[in-house]
Amino acid sequence: LIHNGKARTDMCTTDSEGRPTQDTIIDWWNGAEKTLELKIPKNETLKFGVTPAILSTEIVCKMAAYVENKFNKPYSKHLVDCIWNSFTEYAIYFVFASSQGLFYKYHTADFFAVYKDPQYNVWWRHEFDTWDGNKVVVNDTSGCFITMQSDTKVTADQVWEKVSPWVQ
């Protein structure tokens, strides 16, 4: 997860306007920019991917101080006041870090370095029935994490049953 002293970070590609191509993600970036009253630099062609993400405590502390100074209220209060802006924690993190020139000081830009290829995610219960734990544990070297959506009601024991034959 750390490479040459920097956190490996999954990134997503953008369109010609510098925006991620999924509508939901576009809303998150717009909401983050509105919440912080900052803009992602136009020359930034990659954007922070989705969770899981490794965040720098130094960047988070600087962002909190920025918010408290700019909006004259506690950081957490400002975020609650802006909840309808439709942002995510990693979107505001990236907007702040990139706008301040801090992102690449603490992160490397990768694809599937932290988060495994999305083909391994389980978003719906019926996907778990055919999900192959072997492919996740043994046959793939990308990333470390997958999504096992909690809405599926798949239990930890059920996941363990599928991966345990390949985990030592």
C-alpha atoms as a PDB file:
ATOM      1  CA  LEU A   1       0.000   0.000   0.000  1.00  0.00           C
ATOM      2  CA  ILE A   2       3.031   2.270   0.377  1.00  0.00           C
ATOM      3  CA  HIS A   3       5.481   2.629  -2.497  1.00  0.00           C
ATOM      4  CA  ASN A   4       8.644   4.739  -2.199  1.00  0.00           C
ATOM      5  CA  GLY A   5       7.243   6.453   0.873  1.00  0.00           C
ATOM      6  CA  LYS A   6       3.970   7.456  -0.792  1.00  0.00           C
ATOM      7  CA  ALA A   7       0.487   6.002  -0.485  1.00  0.00           C
ATOM      8  CA  ARG A   8      -0.592   4.055  -3.541  1.00  0.00           C
ATOM      9  CA  THR A   9      -3.802   5.586  -4.780  1.00  0.00           C
ATOM     10  CA  ASP A  10      -6.310   4.250  -7.269  1.00  0.00           C
ATOM     11  CA  MET A  11      -7.256   6.892  -9.787  1.00  0.00           C
ATOM     12  CA  CYS A  12     -10.033   7.188 -12.347  1.00  0.00           C
ATOM     13  CA  THR A  13      -9.759   8.610 -15.824  1.00  0.00           C
ATOM     14  CA  THR A  14     -11.560  11.737 -16.950  1.00  0.00           C
ATOM     15  CA  ASP A  15     -13.236  13.152 -20.008  1.00  0.00           C
ATOM     16  CA  SER A  16     -11.947  16.080 -22.091  1.00  0.00           C
ATOM     17  CA  GLU A  17     -13.254  18.493 -19.457  1.00  0.00           C
ATOM     18  CA  GLY A  18     -11.219  16.795 -16.722  1.00  0.00           C
ATOM     19  CA  ARG A  19     -14.240  15.195 -15.059  1.00  0.00           C
ATOM     20  CA  PRO A  20     -14.703  11.513 -14.169  1.00  0.00           C
ATOM     21  CA  THR A  21     -17.048   9.873 -16.622  1.00  0.00           C
ATOM     22  CA  GLN A  22     -19.602   8.452 -14.162  1.00  0.00           C
ATOM     23  CA  ASP A  23     -22.445  10.866 -13.296  1.00  0.00           C
ATOM     24  CA  THR A  24     -22.421  10.025  -9.575  1.00  0.00           C
ATOM     25  CA  ILE A  25     -18.716  10.696  -9.304  1.00  0.00           C
ATOM     26  CA  ILE A  26     -19.122  13.990 -11.185  1.00  0.00           C
ATOM     27  CA  ASP A  27     -21.679  15.043  -8.559  1.00  0.00           C
ATOM     28  CA  TRP A  28     -19.201  14.190  -5.795  1.00  0.00           C
ATOM     29  CA  TRP A  29     -16.459  16.373  -7.327  1.00  0.00           C
ATOM     30  CA  ASN A  30     -18.872  19.254  -7.898  1.00  0.00           C
ATOM     31  CA  GLY A  31     -20.134  18.932  -4.325  1.00  0.00           C
ATOM     32  CA  ALA A  32     -16.601  18.822  -2.928  1.00  0.00           C
ATOM     33  CA  GLU A  33     -15.565  21.922  -4.864  1.00  0.00           C
ATOM     34  CA  LYS A  34     -18.683  23.747  -3.671  1.00  0.00           C
ATOM     35  CA  THR A  35     -18.131  22.632  -0.049  1.00  0.00           C
ATOM     36  CA  LEU A  36     -14.525  23.851   0.027  1.00  0.00           C
ATOM     37  CA  GLU A  37     -14.933  26.736  -2.430  1.00  0.00           C
ATOM     38  CA  LEU A  38     -11.875  25.397  -4.262  1.00  0.00           C
ATOM     39  CA  LYS A  39     -11.321  23.988  -7.748  1.00  0.00           C
ATOM     40  CA  ILE A  40      -9.335  21.002  -8.957  1.00  0.00           C
ATOM     41  CA  PRO A  41      -6.557  22.358 -11.195  1.00  0.00           C
ATOM     42  CA  LYS A  42      -7.498  22.164 -14.882  1.00  0.00           C
ATOM     43  CA  ASN A  43      -4.274  20.297 -15.720  1.00  0.00           C
ATOM     44  CA  GLU A  44      -5.177  17.420 -13.373  1.00  0.00           C
ATOM     45  CA  THR A  45      -6.127  14.631 -15.801  1.00  0.00           C
ATOM     46  CA  LEU A  46      -6.664  11.897 -13.210  1.00  0.00           C
ATOM     47  CA  LYS A  47      -8.963  11.988 -10.226  1.00  0.00           C
ATOM     48  CA  PHE A  48      -8.881  10.149  -6.915  1.00  0.00           C
ATOM     49  CA  GLY A  49     -10.732   6.850  -7.290  1.00  0.00           C
ATOM     50  CA  VAL A  50     -13.250   5.529  -4.812  1.00  0.00           C
ATOM     51  CA  THR A  51     -12.763   3.921  -1.417  1.00  0.00           C
ATOM     52  CA  PRO A  52     -10.869   2.296   0.094  1.00  0.00           C
ATOM     53  CA  ALA A  53      -8.371   5.116   0.120  1.00  0.00           C
ATOM     54  CA  ILE A  54      -5.327   5.959   2.156  1.00  0.00           C
ATOM     55  CA  LEU A  55      -5.468   9.544   3.383  1.00  0.00           C
ATOM     56  CA  SER A  56      -2.556  11.586   4.704  1.00  0.00           C
ATOM     57  CA  THR A  57      -3.198  12.893   8.219  1.00  0.00           C
ATOM     58  CA  GLU A  58      -1.103  15.946   7.348  1.00  0.00           C
ATOM     59  CA  ILE A  59      -3.375  16.807   4.402  1.00  0.00           C
ATOM     60  CA  VAL A  60      -6.505  16.180   6.480  1.00  0.00           C
ATOM     61  CA  CYS A  61      -5.218  18.469   9.267  1.00  0.00           C
ATOM     62  CA  LYS A  62      -4.345  21.191   6.755  1.00  0.00           C
ATOM     63  CA  MET A  63      -7.786  20.838   5.167  1.00  0.00           C
ATOM     64  CA  ALA A  64      -9.486  21.104   8.564  1.00  0.00           C
ATOM     65  CA  ALA A  65      -7.495  24.256   9.376  1.00  0.00           C
ATOM     66  CA  TYR A  66      -8.346  25.711   5.946  1.00  0.00           C
ATOM     67  CA  VAL A  67     -12.067  25.083   6.476  1.00  0.00           C
ATOM     68  CA  GLU A  68     -12.075  26.489  10.006  1.00  0.00           C
ATOM     69  CA  ASN A  69     -10.236  29.646   8.892  1.00  0.00           C
ATOM     70  CA  LYS A  70     -12.239  30.187   5.706  1.00  0.00           C
ATOM     71  CA  PHE A  71     -15.714  29.499   7.092  1.00  0.00           C
ATOM     72  CA  ASN A  72     -15.114  30.576  10.711  1.00  0.00           C
ATOM     73  CA  LYS A  73     -16.580  27.427  12.240  1.00  0.00           C
ATOM     74  CA  PRO A  74     -15.408  23.936  13.201  1.00  0.00           C
ATOM     75  CA  TYR A  75     -14.515  21.702  10.291  1.00  0.00           C
ATOM     76  CA  SER A  76     -17.092  19.063  11.260  1.00  0.00           C
ATOM     77  CA  LYS A  77     -19.859  21.696  11.564  1.00  0.00           C
ATOM     78  CA  HIS A  78     -19.092  23.008   8.077  1.00  0.00           C
ATOM     79  CA  LEU A  79     -19.274  19.507   6.602  1.00  0.00           C
ATOM     80  CA  VAL A  80     -22.617  18.866   8.280  1.00  0.00           C
ATOM     81  CA  ASP A  81     -23.903  22.248   7.047  1.00  0.00           C
ATOM     82  CA  CYS A  82     -22.871  21.266   3.498  1.00  0.00           C
ATOM     83  CA  ILE A  83     -24.167  17.689   3.543  1.00  0.00           C
ATOM     84  CA  TRP A  84     -26.634  18.405   0.717  1.00  0.00           C
ATOM     85  CA  ASN A  85     -23.739  19.296  -1.591  1.00  0.00           C
ATOM     86  CA  SER A  86     -23.373  15.556  -2.265  1.00  0.00           C
ATOM     87  CA  PHE A  87     -19.641  15.108  -1.645  1.00  0.00           C
ATOM     88  CA  THR A  88     -17.581  12.211  -0.342  1.00  0.00           C
ATOM     89  CA  GLU A  89     -14.680  12.227   2.087  1.00  0.00           C
ATOM     90  CA  TYR A  90     -12.194  11.325  -0.621  1.00  0.00           C
ATOM     91  CA  ALA A  91     -13.616  13.908  -3.034  1.00  0.00           C
ATOM     92  CA  ILE A  92     -13.091  16.776  -0.584  1.00  0.00           C
ATOM     93  CA  TYR A  93      -9.694  15.330   0.300  1.00  0.00           C
ATOM     94  CA  PHE A  94      -8.614  15.243  -3.342  1.00  0.00           C
ATOM     95  CA  VAL A  95     -10.050  18.685  -4.156  1.00  0.00           C
ATOM     96  CA  PHE A  96      -8.141  20.186  -1.257  1.00  0.00           C
ATOM     97  CA  ALA A  97      -4.897  18.257  -1.807  1.00  0.00           C
ATOM     98  CA  SER A  98      -4.764  18.886  -5.551  1.00  0.00           C
ATOM     99  CA  SER A  99      -5.751  22.556  -5.276  1.00  0.00           C
ATOM    100  CA  GLN A 100      -2.929  23.080  -2.765  1.00  0.00           C
ATOM    101  CA  GLY A 101      -0.337  21.112  -4.749  1.00  0.00           C
ATOM    102  CA  LEU A 102      -0.076  18.463  -2.022  1.00  0.00           C
ATOM    103  CA  PHE A 103      -1.529  15.358  -3.629  1.00  0.00           C
ATOM    104  CA  TYR A 104       1.588  13.997  -5.365  1.00  0.00           C
ATOM    105  CA  LYS A 105       3.757  14.839  -2.366  1.00  0.00           C
ATOM    106  CA  TYR A 106       1.979  12.036  -0.474  1.00  0.00           C
ATOM    107  CA  HIS A 107       0.471   9.792  -3.167  1.00  0.00           C
ATOM    108  CA  THR A 108       1.290   7.858  -6.305  1.00  0.00           C
ATOM    109  CA  ALA A 109      -1.304   7.535  -9.045  1.00  0.00           C
ATOM    110  CA  ASP A 110      -2.106   3.918  -9.899  1.00  0.00           C
ATOM    111  CA  PHE A 111      -4.911   1.777 -11.258  1.00  0.00           C
ATOM    112  CA  PHE A 112      -6.022  -1.263  -9.240  1.00  0.00           C
ATOM    113  CA  ALA A 113      -3.155  -0.857  -6.751  1.00  0.00           C
ATOM    114  CA  VAL A 114      -5.375  -0.574  -3.695  1.00  0.00           C
ATOM    115  CA  TYR A 115      -8.766  -1.685  -4.964  1.00  0.00           C
ATOM    116  CA  LYS A 116      -8.980  -4.888  -6.987  1.00  0.00           C
ATOM    117  CA  ASP A 117     -10.427  -4.935 -10.451  1.00  0.00           C
ATOM    118  CA  PRO A 118     -14.183  -4.213 -10.134  1.00  0.00           C
ATOM    119  CA  GLN A 119     -15.039  -7.630 -11.607  1.00  0.00           C
ATOM    120  CA  TYR A 120     -14.388  -9.048  -8.111  1.00  0.00           C
ATOM    121  CA  ASN A 121     -16.917  -6.838  -6.324  1.00  0.00           C
ATOM    122  CA  VAL A 122     -20.223  -8.160  -5.041  1.00  0.00           C
ATOM    123  CA  TRP A 123     -22.975  -5.547  -5.186  1.00  0.00           C
ATOM    124  CA  TRP A 124     -26.027  -7.850  -5.278  1.00  0.00           C
ATOM    125  CA  ARG A 125     -26.853 -11.082  -3.443  1.00  0.00           C
ATOM    126  CA  HIS A 126     -27.154 -13.134  -6.641  1.00  0.00           C
ATOM    127  CA  GLU A 127     -23.554 -12.188  -7.580  1.00  0.00           C
ATOM    128  CA  PHE A 128     -22.241 -13.857  -4.452  1.00  0.00           C
ATOM    129  CA  ASP A 129     -23.690 -17.213  -5.480  1.00  0.00           C
ATOM    130  CA  THR A 130     -21.238 -17.423  -8.405  1.00  0.00           C
ATOM    131  CA  TRP A 131     -18.432 -15.351  -6.825  1.00  0.00           C
ATOM    132  CA  ASP A 132     -15.130 -17.235  -6.900  1.00  0.00           C
ATOM    133  CA  GLY A 133     -12.924 -16.632  -3.856  1.00  0.00           C
ATOM    134  CA  ASN A 134     -10.033 -18.379  -5.588  1.00  0.00           C
ATOM    135  CA  LYS A 135      -9.839 -15.681  -8.267  1.00  0.00           C
ATOM    136  CA  VAL A 136      -9.748 -12.958  -5.635  1.00  0.00           C
ATOM    137  CA  VAL A 137      -7.119 -14.569  -3.418  1.00  0.00           C
ATOM    138  CA  VAL A 138      -4.879 -16.499  -5.809  1.00  0.00           C
ATOM    139  CA  ASN A 139      -5.216 -15.623  -9.471  1.00  0.00           C
ATOM    140  CA  ASP A 140      -4.984 -11.851  -9.379  1.00  0.00           C
ATOM    141  CA  THR A 141      -2.169  -9.614  -8.274  1.00  0.00           C
ATOM    142  CA  SER A 142      -4.037  -6.314  -8.504  1.00  0.00           C
ATOM    143  CA  GLY A 143      -5.007  -4.411  -5.393  1.00  0.00           C
ATOM    144  CA  CYS A 144      -5.811  -5.537  -1.892  1.00  0.00           C
ATOM    145  CA  PHE A 145      -9.524  -4.773  -1.408  1.00  0.00           C
ATOM    146  CA  ILE A 146     -12.872  -5.590  -2.936  1.00  0.00           C
ATOM    147  CA  THR A 147     -16.405  -4.436  -2.187  1.00  0.00           C
ATOM    148  CA  MET A 148     -18.707  -6.929  -0.512  1.00  0.00           C
ATOM    149  CA  GLN A 149     -21.783  -4.720  -0.313  1.00  0.00           C
ATOM    150  CA  SER A 150     -23.477  -4.908   3.084  1.00  0.00           C
ATOM    151  CA  ASP A 151     -26.944  -4.752   1.466  1.00  0.00           C
ATOM    152  CA  THR A 152     -26.344  -8.299   0.185  1.00  0.00           C
ATOM    153  CA  LYS A 153     -26.604  -9.635   3.763  1.00  0.00           C
ATOM    154  CA  VAL A 154     -23.666 -11.935   2.999  1.00  0.00           C
ATOM    155  CA  THR A 155     -22.043 -12.825   6.324  1.00  0.00           C
ATOM    156  CA  ALA A 156     -18.338 -12.860   7.140  1.00  0.00           C
ATOM    157  CA  ASP A 157     -18.615 -16.632   7.616  1.00  0.00           C
ATOM    158  CA  GLN A 158     -20.011 -17.027   4.100  1.00  0.00           C
ATOM    159  CA  VAL A 159     -17.152 -15.000   2.623  1.00  0.00           C
ATOM    160  CA  TRP A 160     -14.624 -16.953   4.687  1.00  0.00           C
ATOM    161  CA  GLU A 161     -16.060 -20.221   3.432  1.00  0.00           C
ATOM    162  CA  LYS A 162     -15.327 -19.122  -0.145  1.00  0.00           C
ATOM    163  CA  VAL A 163     -11.800 -17.765   0.453  1.00  0.00           C
ATOM    164  CA  SER A 164     -10.444 -19.984   3.245  1.00  0.00           C
ATOM    165  CA  PRO A 165      -9.233 -22.815   0.972  1.00  0.00           C
ATOM    166  CA  TRP A 166      -6.710 -20.372  -0.560  1.00  0.00           C
ATOM    167  CA  VAL A 167      -5.689 -18.389   2.530  1.00  0.00           C
ATOM    168  CA  GLN A 168      -2.937 -19.720   4.767  1.00  0.00           C
END
